[in-house]
């Protein structure tokens, strides 16, 4: 098996995924937009590439000499992604793992599955560029709110920022679960799928942010009280069934947010 992977966007999620894959025997290329990160990448045995989605050059051809491409970029620039896809079509890439977001779903006060209505937003159009392409197979993982390590939920609303929709529900996923899910997709060849990545539980936003702020001794949260709560509850049933996956951080209210990671 060709165990070569390129990660476009080797940052908060891409870098720990690269480290995990390297430990499993994969050769990993990682992109960054700052050359200062090359030393760190080299120390981790990640082959560094200086690539900006907005100014793709022929440099990306060498970056794309892998079997699998992981796209982990926050950009919503459709034209730039169209340009990227053209380069992928001419490369050795056979499979793409596209990191998306559950923000694509309509908030309709229901449980949301992979077949639920989507918003008319650029991210959906970008997903379709990959999903509908006939030159490579694509699996799309729509992750819920990301947290873990330096990204602490208790810091999400700082400096007196008011937290909206306190009676809505939290949809979150820890970085460790993201990495393990993506690794499992790659190792087991789960392609041509759309999957929701989200923890098992969905506490009320009020309860969750009171807990997570208190855990790191932050100021008590201030909520915008509203009569009509708008929410969505992301279902992870398909992902757990397809991947046979058990979440490391499945119960969000059982986590010790003071000491669970650093």
C-alpha atoms as a PDB file:
ATOM      1  CA  UNK A   1       0.000   0.000   0.000  1.00  0.00           C
ATOM      2  CA  UNK A   2       1.203   3.502  -0.850  1.00  0.00           C
ATOM      3  CA  UNK A   3       1.438   5.200   2.545  1.00  0.00           C
ATOM      4  CA  UNK A   4       2.033   8.760   1.348  1.00  0.00           C
ATOM      5  CA  UNK A   5      -0.158  11.604   2.587  1.00  0.00           C
ATOM      6  CA  UNK A   6      -0.157  15.344   1.928  1.00  0.00           C
ATOM      7  CA  UNK A   7      -1.863  17.627   4.454  1.00  0.00           C
ATOM      8  CA  UNK A   8      -2.895  21.004   3.054  1.00  0.00           C
ATOM      9  CA  UNK A   9      -3.166  23.139   6.153  1.00  0.00           C
ATOM     10  CA  UNK A  10      -0.843  21.554   8.711  1.00  0.00           C
ATOM     11  CA  UNK A  11      -2.025  23.614  11.656  1.00  0.00           C
ATOM     12  CA  UNK A  12      -4.039  23.070  14.842  1.00  0.00           C
ATOM     13  CA  UNK A  13      -5.615  19.868  13.512  1.00  0.00           C
ATOM     14  CA  UNK A  14      -3.369  18.989  10.586  1.00  0.00           C
ATOM     15  CA  UNK A  15      -0.115  18.885  12.571  1.00  0.00           C
ATOM     16  CA  UNK A  16      -1.193  16.403  15.290  1.00  0.00           C
ATOM     17  CA  UNK A  17      -2.761  14.279  12.539  1.00  0.00           C
ATOM     18  CA  UNK A  18       0.573  14.315  10.686  1.00  0.00           C
ATOM     19  CA  UNK A  19       2.406  13.228  13.843  1.00  0.00           C
ATOM     20  CA  UNK A  20      -0.071  10.372  14.348  1.00  0.00           C
ATOM     21  CA  UNK A  21       0.210   9.176  10.748  1.00  0.00           C
ATOM     22  CA  UNK A  22       4.009   9.321  10.832  1.00  0.00           C
ATOM     23  CA  UNK A  23       3.933   7.125  13.945  1.00  0.00           C
ATOM     24  CA  UNK A  24       1.897   4.644  11.892  1.00  0.00           C
ATOM     25  CA  UNK A  25       4.515   4.509   9.145  1.00  0.00           C
ATOM     26  CA  UNK A  26       3.139   7.082   6.711  1.00  0.00           C
ATOM     27  CA  UNK A  27       5.247   9.578   4.827  1.00  0.00           C
ATOM     28  CA  UNK A  28       3.668  12.994   5.349  1.00  0.00           C
ATOM     29  CA  UNK A  29       4.032  16.289   3.513  1.00  0.00           C
ATOM     30  CA  UNK A  30       2.616  19.309   5.322  1.00  0.00           C
ATOM     31  CA  UNK A  31       1.843  22.785   4.064  1.00  0.00           C
ATOM     32  CA  UNK A  32       2.186  26.058   5.931  1.00  0.00           C
ATOM     33  CA  UNK A  33       2.028  29.708   4.921  1.00  0.00           C
ATOM     34  CA  UNK A  34       4.967  30.690   7.156  1.00  0.00           C
ATOM     35  CA  UNK A  35       8.499  29.445   6.511  1.00  0.00           C
ATOM     36  CA  UNK A  36       9.316  29.876  10.215  1.00  0.00           C
ATOM     37  CA  UNK A  37       7.435  26.632  10.884  1.00  0.00           C
ATOM     38  CA  UNK A  38       9.814  24.570   8.727  1.00  0.00           C
ATOM     39  CA  UNK A  39      12.157  23.877  11.653  1.00  0.00           C
ATOM     40  CA  UNK A  40       9.284  22.521  13.742  1.00  0.00           C
ATOM     41  CA  UNK A  41       8.000  20.413  10.836  1.00  0.00           C
ATOM     42  CA  UNK A  42      11.429  18.948  10.143  1.00  0.00           C
ATOM     43  CA  UNK A  43      11.845  18.034  13.812  1.00  0.00           C
ATOM     44  CA  UNK A  44       8.550  16.135  13.608  1.00  0.00           C
ATOM     45  CA  UNK A  45       9.581  14.451  10.311  1.00  0.00           C
ATOM     46  CA  UNK A  46       6.905  16.336   8.378  1.00  0.00           C
ATOM     47  CA  UNK A  47       8.175  17.328   4.939  1.00  0.00           C
ATOM     48  CA  UNK A  48       7.482  21.100   4.856  1.00  0.00           C
ATOM     49  CA  UNK A  49       6.008  23.027   1.927  1.00  0.00           C
ATOM     50  CA  UNK A  50       5.286  26.747   1.714  1.00  0.00           C
ATOM     51  CA  UNK A  51       1.856  26.933   0.059  1.00  0.00           C
ATOM     52  CA  UNK A  52      -0.878  29.559   0.046  1.00  0.00           C
ATOM     53  CA  UNK A  53      -4.264  28.612  -1.397  1.00  0.00           C
ATOM     54  CA  UNK A  54      -4.671  32.171  -2.687  1.00  0.00           C
ATOM     55  CA  UNK A  55      -1.412  32.087  -4.668  1.00  0.00           C
ATOM     56  CA  UNK A  56      -0.956  28.469  -5.743  1.00  0.00           C
ATOM     57  CA  UNK A  57       2.165  27.977  -7.852  1.00  0.00           C
ATOM     58  CA  UNK A  58       3.848  25.017  -9.511  1.00  0.00           C
ATOM     59  CA  UNK A  59       5.374  24.254  -6.082  1.00  0.00           C
ATOM     60  CA  UNK A  60       2.157  22.431  -5.293  1.00  0.00           C
ATOM     61  CA  UNK A  61       2.901  19.789  -7.939  1.00  0.00           C
ATOM     62  CA  UNK A  62       5.612  18.218  -5.766  1.00  0.00           C
ATOM     63  CA  UNK A  63       3.398  18.600  -2.706  1.00  0.00           C
ATOM     64  CA  UNK A  64       0.680  16.607  -4.473  1.00  0.00           C
ATOM     65  CA  UNK A  65       2.914  13.624  -5.271  1.00  0.00           C
ATOM     66  CA  UNK A  66       1.053  11.465  -2.755  1.00  0.00           C
ATOM     67  CA  UNK A  67      -1.823   9.022  -2.844  1.00  0.00           C
ATOM     68  CA  UNK A  68      -3.972  10.827  -0.265  1.00  0.00           C
ATOM     69  CA  UNK A  69      -4.623  14.538   0.210  1.00  0.00           C
ATOM     70  CA  UNK A  70      -6.115  15.943   3.403  1.00  0.00           C
ATOM     71  CA  UNK A  71      -7.583  19.430   3.065  1.00  0.00           C
ATOM     72  CA  UNK A  72      -7.729  21.198   6.418  1.00  0.00           C
ATOM     73  CA  UNK A  73      -8.066  24.864   5.507  1.00  0.00           C
ATOM     74  CA  UNK A  74     -10.438  27.531   6.880  1.00  0.00           C
ATOM     75  CA  UNK A  75     -10.689  29.354   3.533  1.00  0.00           C
ATOM     76  CA  UNK A  76     -14.096  29.715   1.869  1.00  0.00           C
ATOM     77  CA  UNK A  77     -12.699  31.075  -1.418  1.00  0.00           C
ATOM     78  CA  UNK A  78     -14.478  29.020  -4.080  1.00  0.00           C
ATOM     79  CA  UNK A  79     -12.299  30.199  -6.981  1.00  0.00           C
ATOM     80  CA  UNK A  80      -9.132  29.226  -5.131  1.00  0.00           C
ATOM     81  CA  UNK A  81     -10.508  25.772  -4.472  1.00  0.00           C
ATOM     82  CA  UNK A  82     -11.464  25.406  -8.142  1.00  0.00           C
ATOM     83  CA  UNK A  83      -7.852  26.161  -8.994  1.00  0.00           C
ATOM     84  CA  UNK A  84      -6.670  23.615  -6.418  1.00  0.00           C
ATOM     85  CA  UNK A  85      -8.937  20.913  -7.822  1.00  0.00           C
ATOM     86  CA  UNK A  86      -7.427  21.417 -11.286  1.00  0.00           C
ATOM     87  CA  UNK A  87      -3.968  20.745  -9.855  1.00  0.00           C
ATOM     88  CA  UNK A  88      -5.240  17.671  -7.984  1.00  0.00           C
ATOM     89  CA  UNK A  89      -6.750  16.248 -11.169  1.00  0.00           C
ATOM     90  CA  UNK A  90      -3.299  16.308 -12.806  1.00  0.00           C
ATOM     91  CA  UNK A  91      -1.518  14.796  -9.802  1.00  0.00           C
ATOM     92  CA  UNK A  92      -1.049  11.316  -8.306  1.00  0.00           C
ATOM     93  CA  UNK A  93      -3.729  12.007  -5.669  1.00  0.00           C
ATOM     94  CA  UNK A  94      -6.388   9.278  -5.721  1.00  0.00           C
ATOM     95  CA  UNK A  95      -8.248  10.067  -2.484  1.00  0.00           C
ATOM     96  CA  UNK A  96      -9.140  13.325  -0.744  1.00  0.00           C
ATOM     97  CA  UNK A  97     -10.202  13.769   2.864  1.00  0.00           C
ATOM     98  CA  UNK A  98     -11.919  17.145   3.084  1.00  0.00           C
ATOM     99  CA  UNK A  99     -12.386  18.677   6.540  1.00  0.00           C
ATOM    100  CA  UNK A 100     -15.661  20.568   6.629  1.00  0.00           C
ATOM    101  CA  UNK A 101     -17.950  21.892   9.348  1.00  0.00           C
ATOM    102  CA  UNK A 102     -21.397  21.212  10.770  1.00  0.00           C
ATOM    103  CA  UNK A 103     -22.039  24.933  10.256  1.00  0.00           C
ATOM    104  CA  UNK A 104     -23.290  23.945   6.778  1.00  0.00           C
ATOM    105  CA  UNK A 105     -26.540  22.634   8.291  1.00  0.00           C
ATOM    106  CA  UNK A 106     -29.703  24.652   8.750  1.00  0.00           C
ATOM    107  CA  UNK A 107     -30.571  25.254  12.423  1.00  0.00           C
ATOM    108  CA  UNK A 108     -34.119  23.900  12.446  1.00  0.00           C
ATOM    109  CA  UNK A 109     -34.493  22.829  16.098  1.00  0.00           C
ATOM    110  CA  UNK A 110     -34.060  19.172  15.140  1.00  0.00           C
ATOM    111  CA  UNK A 111     -31.528  16.367  15.241  1.00  0.00           C
ATOM    112  CA  UNK A 112     -29.301  16.818  12.203  1.00  0.00           C
ATOM    113  CA  UNK A 113     -27.989  13.928  10.096  1.00  0.00           C
ATOM    114  CA  UNK A 114     -25.799  13.876   7.006  1.00  0.00           C
ATOM    115  CA  UNK A 115     -28.970  14.082   4.896  1.00  0.00           C
ATOM    116  CA  UNK A 116     -30.420  17.139   6.623  1.00  0.00           C
ATOM    117  CA  UNK A 117     -30.973  20.438   4.762  1.00  0.00           C
ATOM    118  CA  UNK A 118     -27.883  22.527   4.058  1.00  0.00           C
ATOM    119  CA  UNK A 119     -27.455  26.274   4.016  1.00  0.00           C
ATOM    120  CA  UNK A 120     -26.673  28.126   0.818  1.00  0.00           C
ATOM    121  CA  UNK A 121     -23.097  28.963   1.816  1.00  0.00           C
ATOM    122  CA  UNK A 122     -19.695  28.835   0.062  1.00  0.00           C
ATOM    123  CA  UNK A 123     -18.519  25.833   2.105  1.00  0.00           C
ATOM    124  CA  UNK A 124     -21.267  23.662   0.600  1.00  0.00           C
ATOM    125  CA  UNK A 125     -20.202  24.668  -2.910  1.00  0.00           C
ATOM    126  CA  UNK A 126     -16.592  23.835  -2.036  1.00  0.00           C
ATOM    127  CA  UNK A 127     -17.624  20.445  -0.674  1.00  0.00           C
ATOM    128  CA  UNK A 128     -19.377  19.735  -3.971  1.00  0.00           C
ATOM    129  CA  UNK A 129     -16.252  20.580  -5.976  1.00  0.00           C
ATOM    130  CA  UNK A 130     -14.591  17.601  -4.302  1.00  0.00           C
ATOM    131  CA  UNK A 131     -17.576  15.308  -3.854  1.00  0.00           C
ATOM    132  CA  UNK A 132     -18.638  15.477  -7.513  1.00  0.00           C
ATOM    133  CA  UNK A 133     -15.159  15.114  -9.026  1.00  0.00           C
ATOM    134  CA  UNK A 134     -14.599  11.925 -11.046  1.00  0.00           C
ATOM    135  CA  UNK A 135     -10.787  11.989 -10.917  1.00  0.00           C
ATOM    136  CA  UNK A 136     -10.498  11.071  -7.239  1.00  0.00           C
ATOM    137  CA  UNK A 137     -12.591   9.741  -4.359  1.00  0.00           C
ATOM    138  CA  UNK A 138     -13.541  12.141  -1.570  1.00  0.00           C
ATOM    139  CA  UNK A 139     -14.716  11.638   1.980  1.00  0.00           C
ATOM    140  CA  UNK A 140     -16.058  14.730   3.721  1.00  0.00           C
ATOM    141  CA  UNK A 141     -15.989  14.965   7.506  1.00  0.00           C
ATOM    142  CA  UNK A 142     -18.118  17.725   8.966  1.00  0.00           C
ATOM    143  CA  UNK A 143     -16.689  18.454  12.387  1.00  0.00           C
ATOM    144  CA  UNK A 144     -18.622  20.247  15.111  1.00  0.00           C
ATOM    145  CA  UNK A 145     -17.009  22.922  17.301  1.00  0.00           C
ATOM    146  CA  UNK A 146     -13.335  22.104  17.850  1.00  0.00           C
ATOM    147  CA  UNK A 147     -11.704  22.145  21.271  1.00  0.00           C
ATOM    148  CA  UNK A 148      -8.768  20.655  23.123  1.00  0.00           C
ATOM    149  CA  UNK A 149      -5.333  21.597  24.458  1.00  0.00           C
ATOM    150  CA  UNK A 150      -4.777  25.346  24.040  1.00  0.00           C
ATOM    151  CA  UNK A 151      -8.285  25.720  22.585  1.00  0.00           C
ATOM    152  CA  UNK A 152     -10.274  25.748  25.828  1.00  0.00           C
ATOM    153  CA  UNK A 153     -14.080  26.203  25.739  1.00  0.00           C
ATOM    154  CA  UNK A 154     -13.862  28.309  28.903  1.00  0.00           C
ATOM    155  CA  UNK A 155     -11.979  30.920  26.862  1.00  0.00           C
ATOM    156  CA  UNK A 156     -14.378  31.016  23.911  1.00  0.00           C
ATOM    157  CA  UNK A 157     -16.315  34.020  25.284  1.00  0.00           C
ATOM    158  CA  UNK A 158     -13.847  36.344  27.007  1.00  0.00           C
ATOM    159  CA  UNK A 159     -13.784  39.947  28.221  1.00  0.00           C
ATOM    160  CA  UNK A 160     -17.441  40.081  29.101  1.00  0.00           C
ATOM    161  CA  UNK A 161     -18.696  38.841  25.730  1.00  0.00           C
ATOM    162  CA  UNK A 162     -22.334  37.866  25.987  1.00  0.00           C
ATOM    163  CA  UNK A 163     -23.126  34.237  25.148  1.00  0.00           C
ATOM    164  CA  UNK A 164     -26.162  33.963  22.868  1.00  0.00           C
ATOM    165  CA  UNK A 165     -28.775  31.235  22.804  1.00  0.00           C
ATOM    166  CA  UNK A 166     -28.159  29.779  26.303  1.00  0.00           C
ATOM    167  CA  UNK A 167     -30.986  27.258  25.922  1.00  0.00           C
ATOM    168  CA  UNK A 168     -29.564  25.911  22.679  1.00  0.00           C
ATOM    169  CA  UNK A 169     -27.364  22.828  22.631  1.00  0.00           C
ATOM    170  CA  UNK A 170     -23.615  22.374  22.361  1.00  0.00           C
ATOM    171  CA  UNK A 171     -22.120  20.465  19.435  1.00  0.00           C
ATOM    172  CA  UNK A 172     -18.402  19.940  20.095  1.00  0.00           C
ATOM    173  CA  UNK A 173     -15.551  17.523  19.388  1.00  0.00           C
ATOM    174  CA  UNK A 174     -12.101  17.173  20.948  1.00  0.00           C
ATOM    175  CA  UNK A 175      -8.949  17.343  18.839  1.00  0.00           C
ATOM    176  CA  UNK A 176      -7.949  13.806  19.899  1.00  0.00           C
ATOM    177  CA  UNK A 177     -11.216  12.391  18.534  1.00  0.00           C
ATOM    178  CA  UNK A 178     -10.770  14.341  15.283  1.00  0.00           C
ATOM    179  CA  UNK A 179      -7.303  12.854  14.783  1.00  0.00           C
ATOM    180  CA  UNK A 180      -8.405   9.305  15.615  1.00  0.00           C
ATOM    181  CA  UNK A 181     -11.415   9.547  13.283  1.00  0.00           C
ATOM    182  CA  UNK A 182      -9.340  10.839  10.363  1.00  0.00           C
ATOM    183  CA  UNK A 183      -6.663   8.206  10.963  1.00  0.00           C
ATOM    184  CA  UNK A 184      -9.303   5.455  10.953  1.00  0.00           C
ATOM    185  CA  UNK A 185     -10.788   6.688   7.669  1.00  0.00           C
ATOM    186  CA  UNK A 186      -7.363   6.640   6.027  1.00  0.00           C
ATOM    187  CA  UNK A 187      -6.191   3.295   7.418  1.00  0.00           C
ATOM    188  CA  UNK A 188      -9.440   1.506   6.599  1.00  0.00           C
ATOM    189  CA  UNK A 189     -10.151   3.118   3.217  1.00  0.00           C
ATOM    190  CA  UNK A 190     -13.511   4.665   4.053  1.00  0.00           C
ATOM    191  CA  UNK A 191     -13.994   6.760   0.910  1.00  0.00           C
ATOM    192  CA  UNK A 192     -16.882   8.425  -0.922  1.00  0.00           C
ATOM    193  CA  UNK A 193     -18.656   9.216   2.343  1.00  0.00           C
ATOM    194  CA  UNK A 194     -20.056  12.209   4.215  1.00  0.00           C
ATOM    195  CA  UNK A 195     -19.758  11.909   8.004  1.00  0.00           C
ATOM    196  CA  UNK A 196     -20.608  14.098  10.979  1.00  0.00           C
ATOM    197  CA  UNK A 197     -17.919  14.297  13.659  1.00  0.00           C
ATOM    198  CA  UNK A 198     -19.410  15.333  16.987  1.00  0.00           C
ATOM    199  CA  UNK A 199     -19.312  14.119  20.602  1.00  0.00           C
ATOM    200  CA  UNK A 200     -22.139  11.918  21.887  1.00  0.00           C
ATOM    201  CA  UNK A 201     -23.704  14.423  24.264  1.00  0.00           C
ATOM    202  CA  UNK A 202     -25.270  17.847  23.691  1.00  0.00           C
ATOM    203  CA  UNK A 203     -25.554  19.803  26.949  1.00  0.00           C
ATOM    204  CA  UNK A 204     -27.345  23.111  27.111  1.00  0.00           C
ATOM    205  CA  UNK A 205     -25.036  26.009  26.258  1.00  0.00           C
ATOM    206  CA  UNK A 206     -25.856  27.579  29.642  1.00  0.00           C
ATOM    207  CA  UNK A 207     -24.711  24.493  31.591  1.00  0.00           C
ATOM    208  CA  UNK A 208     -21.668  23.895  29.398  1.00  0.00           C
ATOM    209  CA  UNK A 209     -20.183  27.367  29.590  1.00  0.00           C
ATOM    210  CA  UNK A 210     -20.834  27.733  33.315  1.00  0.00           C
ATOM    211  CA  UNK A 211     -18.877  24.502  33.818  1.00  0.00           C
ATOM    212  CA  UNK A 212     -16.027  25.189  31.410  1.00  0.00           C
ATOM    213  CA  UNK A 213     -15.453  28.769  32.580  1.00  0.00           C
ATOM    214  CA  UNK A 214     -15.456  27.776  36.244  1.00  0.00           C
ATOM    215  CA  UNK A 215     -12.974  24.971  35.508  1.00  0.00           C
ATOM    216  CA  UNK A 216     -10.260  27.451  34.502  1.00  0.00           C
ATOM    217  CA  UNK A 217     -11.298  30.177  36.971  1.00  0.00           C
ATOM    218  CA  UNK A 218     -12.623  32.536  34.337  1.00  0.00           C
ATOM    219  CA  UNK A 219     -15.332  35.091  35.015  1.00  0.00           C
ATOM    220  CA  UNK A 220     -18.894  33.812  35.230  1.00  0.00           C
ATOM    221  CA  UNK A 221     -20.609  33.781  31.840  1.00  0.00           C
ATOM    222  CA  UNK A 222     -23.196  36.367  30.831  1.00  0.00           C
ATOM    223  CA  UNK A 223     -26.043  35.065  28.714  1.00  0.00           C
ATOM    224  CA  UNK A 224     -28.365  36.784  26.280  1.00  0.00           C
ATOM    225  CA  UNK A 225     -31.734  35.578  27.509  1.00  0.00           C
ATOM    226  CA  UNK A 226     -34.169  34.912  24.665  1.00  0.00           C
ATOM    227  CA  UNK A 227     -37.636  33.440  24.502  1.00  0.00           C
ATOM    228  CA  UNK A 228     -37.144  31.492  21.295  1.00  0.00           C
ATOM    229  CA  UNK A 229     -34.112  29.236  21.150  1.00  0.00           C
ATOM    230  CA  UNK A 230     -32.751  28.237  17.727  1.00  0.00           C
ATOM    231  CA  UNK A 231     -30.585  25.154  17.681  1.00  0.00           C
ATOM    232  CA  UNK A 232     -29.462  21.978  15.961  1.00  0.00           C
ATOM    233  CA  UNK A 233     -28.276  18.714  17.501  1.00  0.00           C
ATOM    234  CA  UNK A 234     -25.643  16.989  15.384  1.00  0.00           C
ATOM    235  CA  UNK A 235     -26.048  13.211  15.119  1.00  0.00           C
ATOM    236  CA  UNK A 236     -22.871  11.119  15.032  1.00  0.00           C
ATOM    237  CA  UNK A 237     -24.675   7.793  14.566  1.00  0.00           C
ATOM    238  CA  UNK A 238     -23.541   7.243  10.986  1.00  0.00           C
ATOM    239  CA  UNK A 239     -19.882   7.882  11.791  1.00  0.00           C
ATOM    240  CA  UNK A 240     -19.932   5.552  14.800  1.00  0.00           C
ATOM    241  CA  UNK A 241     -21.638   2.820  12.797  1.00  0.00           C
ATOM    242  CA  UNK A 242     -19.474   3.071   9.663  1.00  0.00           C
ATOM    243  CA  UNK A 243     -16.152   3.436  11.481  1.00  0.00           C
ATOM    244  CA  UNK A 244     -17.078   1.334  14.519  1.00  0.00           C
ATOM    245  CA  UNK A 245     -15.766   4.270  16.514  1.00  0.00           C
ATOM    246  CA  UNK A 246     -16.053   4.977  20.239  1.00  0.00           C
ATOM    247  CA  UNK A 247     -15.383   8.560  21.273  1.00  0.00           C
ATOM    248  CA  UNK A 248     -12.525   9.260  23.660  1.00  0.00           C
ATOM    249  CA  UNK A 249     -14.330  12.385  24.868  1.00  0.00           C
ATOM    250  CA  UNK A 250     -17.940  11.370  24.259  1.00  0.00           C
ATOM    251  CA  UNK A 251     -19.599  12.946  27.297  1.00  0.00           C
ATOM    252  CA  UNK A 252     -18.852  16.654  27.304  1.00  0.00           C
ATOM    253  CA  UNK A 253     -20.083  17.237  30.862  1.00  0.00           C
ATOM    254  CA  UNK A 254     -17.965  14.412  32.315  1.00  0.00           C
ATOM    255  CA  UNK A 255     -14.684  15.981  31.193  1.00  0.00           C
ATOM    256  CA  UNK A 256     -12.451  17.558  33.835  1.00  0.00           C
ATOM    257  CA  UNK A 257     -11.778  20.785  31.952  1.00  0.00           C
ATOM    258  CA  UNK A 258      -9.290  21.950  34.565  1.00  0.00           C
ATOM    259  CA  UNK A 259      -6.843  19.087  34.103  1.00  0.00           C
ATOM    260  CA  UNK A 260      -7.906  16.972  31.119  1.00  0.00           C
ATOM    261  CA  UNK A 261      -5.132  18.353  28.913  1.00  0.00           C
ATOM    262  CA  UNK A 262      -2.715  21.246  28.761  1.00  0.00           C
END
